[in-house]
Amino acid sequence: MTSIISFHSVSKHYQMGDTLVKAADDISMEIQPGEFVAIVGRSGSGKSTCMNIIGCLDVPTIGEYLLNGENVGTLNKNQLAEIRNRMLGFIFQQYNLLPKLTVLENVEVPLMYAGLSKAERRQKAMEALEMVELSDKLINMPNQLSGGQQQRVSIARALAGNPAIILADEPTGALDSKTSRDVLGLLQELQKSGHTVVLITHDNSIAVTAERIIRLEDGCVVYDGLSDAPEAVVISQSIMEGGTQS
């Protein structure tokens, strides 16, 4: 089976004054179609850099990123935008809904960029909202919804184009614990329906929802395996510093 996401010795470097920052440092990983994987690490570990590369929002400085076998690093901006729209659905911590559009219109936005007709957009958006149990909120504005409902709208928006990959960046960061469980349950259901789900988080309790964890430190992979293994756990900086002092 061809991996849907392949990193081959991927590095991402930034120059900050006289300092070379290695946000990602020689990362290699394979994610298969239909997997649910959490990329986890503390702030500065490189997980956001990996997310941006996976989401075709950035390209490696060194190495290759293959998305469904296609070398993303060789694509221009228009091609990157096209492959994002075709292959990827994004779920963000802050929802990123457009406040002046209704729930239905928000879900239709990526379908408009995909070139679908108004009738096709409306049908696909309604189907996606039904999947997240919001078919009774089509004409509501975002500010008329709870945080959990707004996040479900963003999930519907990610689903509307039926992308192969759902890329979720701290999707429960702004939610209470019960609503977080509901959203994570939705991600598990998406995986069961055939989507590849990649969850980006700093939170161990969120990461263990996935079947597999890739843990990063200082831009490097330090663990890649089952989510219930002790090695998968991110140790907080305060605990590490306390252990060093004792």
Protein backbone atom coordinates (compact mmCIF):
# COMPACT_ATOMS: atom_id res chain seq x y z
CA MET A 1 0.00 0.00 0.00
CA THR A 2 1.30 3.47 -0.92
CA SER A 3 1.66 5.77 2.08
CA ILE A 4 -0.63 8.78 1.89
CA ILE A 5 1.89 10.92 3.84
CA SER A 6 5.64 10.31 3.50
CA PHE A 7 8.43 12.40 5.02
CA HIS A 8 11.88 11.47 3.71
CA SER A 9 14.58 13.17 5.83
CA VAL A 10 12.54 16.37 5.98
CA SER A 11 14.10 19.45 7.55
CA LYS A 12 12.77 22.99 7.80
CA HIS A 13 15.26 25.74 8.64
CA TYR A 14 14.73 29.42 9.36
CA GLN A 15 17.34 32.14 9.67
CA MET A 16 16.72 34.44 12.65
CA GLY A 17 19.51 37.01 12.66
CA ASP A 18 22.73 35.09 13.00
CA THR A 19 20.96 31.98 14.29
CA LEU A 20 19.84 29.04 12.16
CA VAL A 21 16.64 27.60 13.66
CA LYS A 22 15.94 23.94 12.83
CA ALA A 23 12.16 23.80 13.28
CA ALA A 24 12.15 20.29 11.81
CA ASP A 25 15.35 18.27 11.75
CA ASP A 26 15.70 15.19 9.53
CA ILE A 27 12.19 13.81 10.09
CA SER A 28 11.17 10.59 8.35
CA MET A 29 7.72 9.07 8.80
CA GLU A 30 5.03 7.20 6.90
CA ILE A 31 1.28 7.49 7.46
CA GLN A 32 -0.98 4.97 5.75
CA PRO A 33 -4.47 5.63 4.34
CA GLY A 34 -7.10 5.26 7.04
CA GLU A 35 -4.80 5.76 10.03
CA PHE A 36 -5.54 8.02 12.98
CA VAL A 37 -2.21 9.52 14.05
CA ALA A 38 -1.43 12.18 16.65
CA ILE A 39 1.67 14.33 16.22
CA VAL A 40 2.44 15.48 19.73
CA GLY A 41 5.02 17.62 21.49
CA ARG A 42 5.58 20.64 23.67
CA SER A 43 5.70 24.18 22.27
CA GLY A 44 8.74 24.49 20.01
CA SER A 45 8.94 20.76 19.33
CA GLY A 46 8.26 21.13 15.60
CA LYS A 47 4.71 19.82 15.48
CA SER A 48 3.29 23.02 13.93
CA THR A 49 6.02 22.96 11.30
CA CYS A 50 5.08 19.37 10.45
CA MET A 51 1.43 20.37 10.27
CA ASN A 52 2.21 23.19 7.85
CA ILE A 53 4.21 20.87 5.61
CA ILE A 54 1.58 18.10 5.71
CA GLY A 55 -1.09 20.71 4.92
CA CYS A 56 0.87 22.07 1.93
CA LEU A 57 1.10 25.45 3.64
CA ASP A 58 4.90 25.21 3.58
CA VAL A 59 7.56 23.07 1.90
CA PRO A 60 10.73 21.46 3.31
CA THR A 61 14.10 23.18 3.19
CA ILE A 62 15.72 19.76 2.80
CA GLY A 63 14.22 16.34 2.05
CA GLU A 64 11.01 15.22 0.38
CA TYR A 65 7.37 15.29 1.38
CA LEU A 66 5.19 13.01 -0.73
CA LEU A 67 1.42 13.44 -0.50
CA ASN A 68 -0.24 10.37 -1.96
CA GLY A 69 2.98 9.77 -3.94
CA GLU A 70 3.33 13.33 -5.26
CA ASN A 71 6.41 15.37 -4.33
CA VAL A 72 4.92 18.52 -2.80
CA GLY A 73 8.24 20.37 -2.88
CA THR A 74 8.11 20.59 -6.67
CA LEU A 75 4.71 22.32 -6.79
CA ASN A 76 4.07 26.04 -7.29
CA LYS A 77 1.64 28.08 -5.16
CA ASN A 78 -1.35 27.44 -7.40
CA GLN A 79 -0.66 23.71 -7.47
CA LEU A 80 -0.26 23.66 -3.70
CA ALA A 81 -3.62 25.42 -3.31
CA GLU A 82 -5.25 22.91 -5.68
CA ILE A 83 -3.88 19.86 -3.86
CA ARG A 84 -4.90 21.35 -0.49
CA ASN A 85 -8.44 21.82 -1.70
CA ARG A 86 -8.60 18.34 -3.20
CA MET A 87 -6.81 16.23 -0.60
CA LEU A 88 -7.04 18.01 2.75
CA GLY A 89 -9.69 19.15 5.19
CA PHE A 90 -8.56 21.50 7.97
CA ILE A 91 -9.98 21.78 11.50
CA PHE A 92 -8.59 24.65 13.58
CA GLN A 93 -8.63 25.45 17.30
CA GLN A 94 -10.34 28.81 16.76
CA TYR A 95 -12.88 27.48 14.18
CA ASN A 96 -12.08 30.25 11.63
CA LEU A 97 -15.72 30.69 10.65
CA LEU A 98 -16.72 33.78 8.69
CA PRO A 99 -18.97 35.79 11.01
CA LYS A 100 -21.16 37.34 8.30
CA LEU A 101 -22.02 34.02 6.65
CA THR A 102 -24.59 31.49 7.82
CA VAL A 103 -23.58 28.02 8.95
CA LEU A 104 -24.48 26.59 5.54
CA GLU A 105 -22.60 29.31 3.67
CA ASN A 106 -19.50 28.76 5.82
CA VAL A 107 -19.44 25.08 4.90
CA GLU A 108 -19.89 25.95 1.23
CA VAL A 109 -16.80 28.21 1.09
CA PRO A 110 -14.14 25.57 0.18
CA LEU A 111 -16.56 24.02 -2.33
CA MET A 112 -16.84 27.38 -4.08
CA TYR A 113 -13.04 27.48 -4.48
CA ALA A 114 -13.25 23.93 -5.84
CA GLY A 115 -15.45 25.20 -8.67
CA LEU A 116 -18.66 23.36 -7.80
CA SER A 117 -22.00 24.72 -8.94
CA LYS A 118 -24.29 26.40 -6.41
CA ALA A 119 -26.59 23.37 -6.35
CA GLU A 120 -23.69 20.96 -5.80
CA ARG A 121 -22.23 23.15 -3.06
CA ARG A 122 -25.56 23.35 -1.27
CA GLN A 123 -26.11 19.58 -1.44
CA LYS A 124 -22.63 18.63 -0.20
CA ALA A 125 -22.70 21.25 2.58
CA MET A 126 -26.08 20.03 3.81
CA GLU A 127 -24.86 16.43 3.82
CA ALA A 128 -21.75 17.39 5.80
CA LEU A 129 -23.81 19.32 8.36
CA GLU A 130 -26.13 16.35 8.75
CA MET A 131 -23.10 14.17 9.53
CA VAL A 132 -22.19 16.43 12.47
CA GLU A 133 -25.85 16.71 13.57
CA LEU A 134 -26.32 20.37 12.72
CA SER A 135 -28.87 20.11 9.93
CA ASP A 136 -31.23 22.24 12.06
CA LYS A 137 -28.76 25.16 12.19
CA LEU A 138 -28.33 25.89 8.48
CA ILE A 139 -29.40 29.54 8.61
CA ASN A 140 -27.87 30.36 12.00
CA MET A 141 -24.94 32.76 12.22
CA PRO A 142 -21.76 31.56 13.99
CA ASN A 143 -22.33 33.87 16.98
CA GLN A 144 -25.64 32.11 17.60
CA LEU A 145 -23.87 28.80 18.26
CA SER A 146 -21.99 27.38 21.21
CA GLY A 147 -18.24 26.73 20.95
CA GLY A 148 -18.86 23.03 20.42
CA GLN A 149 -21.38 23.71 17.68
CA GLN A 150 -18.98 26.10 15.95
CA GLN A 151 -16.28 23.43 16.02
CA ARG A 152 -18.72 20.94 14.50
CA VAL A 153 -19.40 23.47 11.72
CA SER A 154 -15.66 23.63 11.06
CA ILE A 155 -15.57 19.81 10.94
CA ALA A 156 -18.45 19.85 8.45
CA ARG A 157 -16.53 22.40 6.37
CA ALA A 158 -13.49 20.11 6.42
CA LEU A 159 -15.64 17.15 5.36
CA ALA A 160 -17.69 18.82 2.64
CA GLY A 161 -15.20 18.16 -0.16
CA ASN A 162 -14.70 14.55 1.00
CA PRO A 163 -10.92 14.95 1.45
CA ALA A 164 -8.70 11.93 1.99
CA ILE A 165 -6.97 13.58 4.97
CA ILE A 166 -8.45 15.45 7.93
CA LEU A 167 -5.79 17.65 9.54
CA ALA A 168 -6.89 18.78 13.01
CA ASP A 169 -4.79 21.44 14.78
CA GLU A 170 -5.54 21.47 18.54
CA PRO A 171 -9.25 21.01 17.70
CA THR A 172 -10.38 20.86 21.33
CA GLY A 173 -8.18 23.67 22.68
CA ALA A 174 -11.06 26.11 23.13
CA LEU A 175 -13.66 23.58 24.33
CA ASP A 176 -14.80 22.20 27.69
CA SER A 177 -14.06 18.58 28.54
CA LYS A 178 -17.44 17.11 27.53
CA THR A 179 -17.51 18.94 24.21
CA SER A 180 -13.88 17.91 23.63
CA ARG A 181 -14.84 14.26 24.04
CA ASP A 182 -17.66 14.72 21.53
CA VAL A 183 -15.31 16.27 18.96
CA LEU A 184 -12.68 13.56 19.46
CA GLY A 185 -15.41 10.95 19.07
CA LEU A 186 -16.32 12.57 15.74
CA LEU A 187 -12.69 12.29 14.61
CA GLN A 188 -12.69 8.60 15.51
CA GLU A 189 -15.88 8.13 13.49
CA LEU A 190 -14.26 9.87 10.52
CA GLN A 191 -11.38 7.43 10.65
CA LYS A 192 -13.78 4.49 10.78
CA SER A 193 -15.48 5.86 7.65
CA GLY A 194 -12.18 5.75 5.75
CA HIS A 195 -10.55 9.15 6.30
CA THR A 196 -6.93 9.52 7.35
CA VAL A 197 -6.92 11.69 10.48
CA VAL A 198 -3.83 13.59 11.64
CA LEU A 199 -4.23 15.30 15.00
CA ILE A 200 -1.74 17.97 16.13
CA THR A 201 -1.66 18.51 19.90
CA HIS A 202 0.50 19.18 22.96
CA ASP A 203 -1.95 17.37 25.24
CA ASN A 204 -1.32 13.71 26.15
CA SER A 205 -4.96 13.16 27.12
CA ILE A 206 -6.02 14.25 23.63
CA ALA A 207 -3.25 12.41 21.78
CA VAL A 208 -4.19 9.00 23.21
CA THR A 209 -7.46 9.21 21.26
CA ALA A 210 -5.39 8.27 18.21
CA GLU A 211 -4.15 4.75 17.57
CA ARG A 212 -0.59 5.91 16.96
CA ILE A 213 1.52 8.75 18.31
CA ILE A 214 4.50 10.46 16.70
CA ARG A 215 6.21 12.44 19.46
CA LEU A 216 8.57 15.29 18.62
CA GLU A 217 11.25 17.07 20.62
CA ASP A 218 13.48 19.84 19.28
CA GLY A 219 12.38 19.17 15.70
CA CYS A 220 13.17 15.44 15.85
CA VAL A 221 11.03 12.30 16.14
CA VAL A 222 11.74 10.69 19.51
CA TYR A 223 8.88 8.18 19.47
CA ASP A 224 6.67 6.63 16.80
CA GLY A 225 4.37 3.85 17.92
CA LEU A 226 1.21 2.82 19.73
CA SER A 227 -0.54 5.54 21.70
CA ASP A 228 -0.85 3.44 24.88
CA ALA A 229 2.91 2.96 25.33
CA PRO A 230 4.65 4.87 28.19
CA GLU A 231 7.17 6.31 25.71
CA ALA A 232 4.35 8.14 23.91
CA VAL A 233 3.81 10.51 26.83
CA VAL A 234 5.02 14.10 26.62
CA ILE A 235 6.72 15.09 29.87
CA SER A 236 5.97 18.66 30.91
CA GLN A 237 8.81 21.14 31.06
CA SER A 238 8.18 21.83 34.77
CA ILE A 239 8.50 18.13 35.65
CA MET A 240 11.67 17.86 33.60
CA GLU A 241 13.16 20.88 35.35
CA GLY A 242 12.09 19.57 38.75
CA GLY A 243 13.70 16.22 38.02
CA THR A 244 16.90 17.93 36.99
CA GLN A 245 17.07 19.92 40.21
CA SER A 246 16.41 16.98 42.53
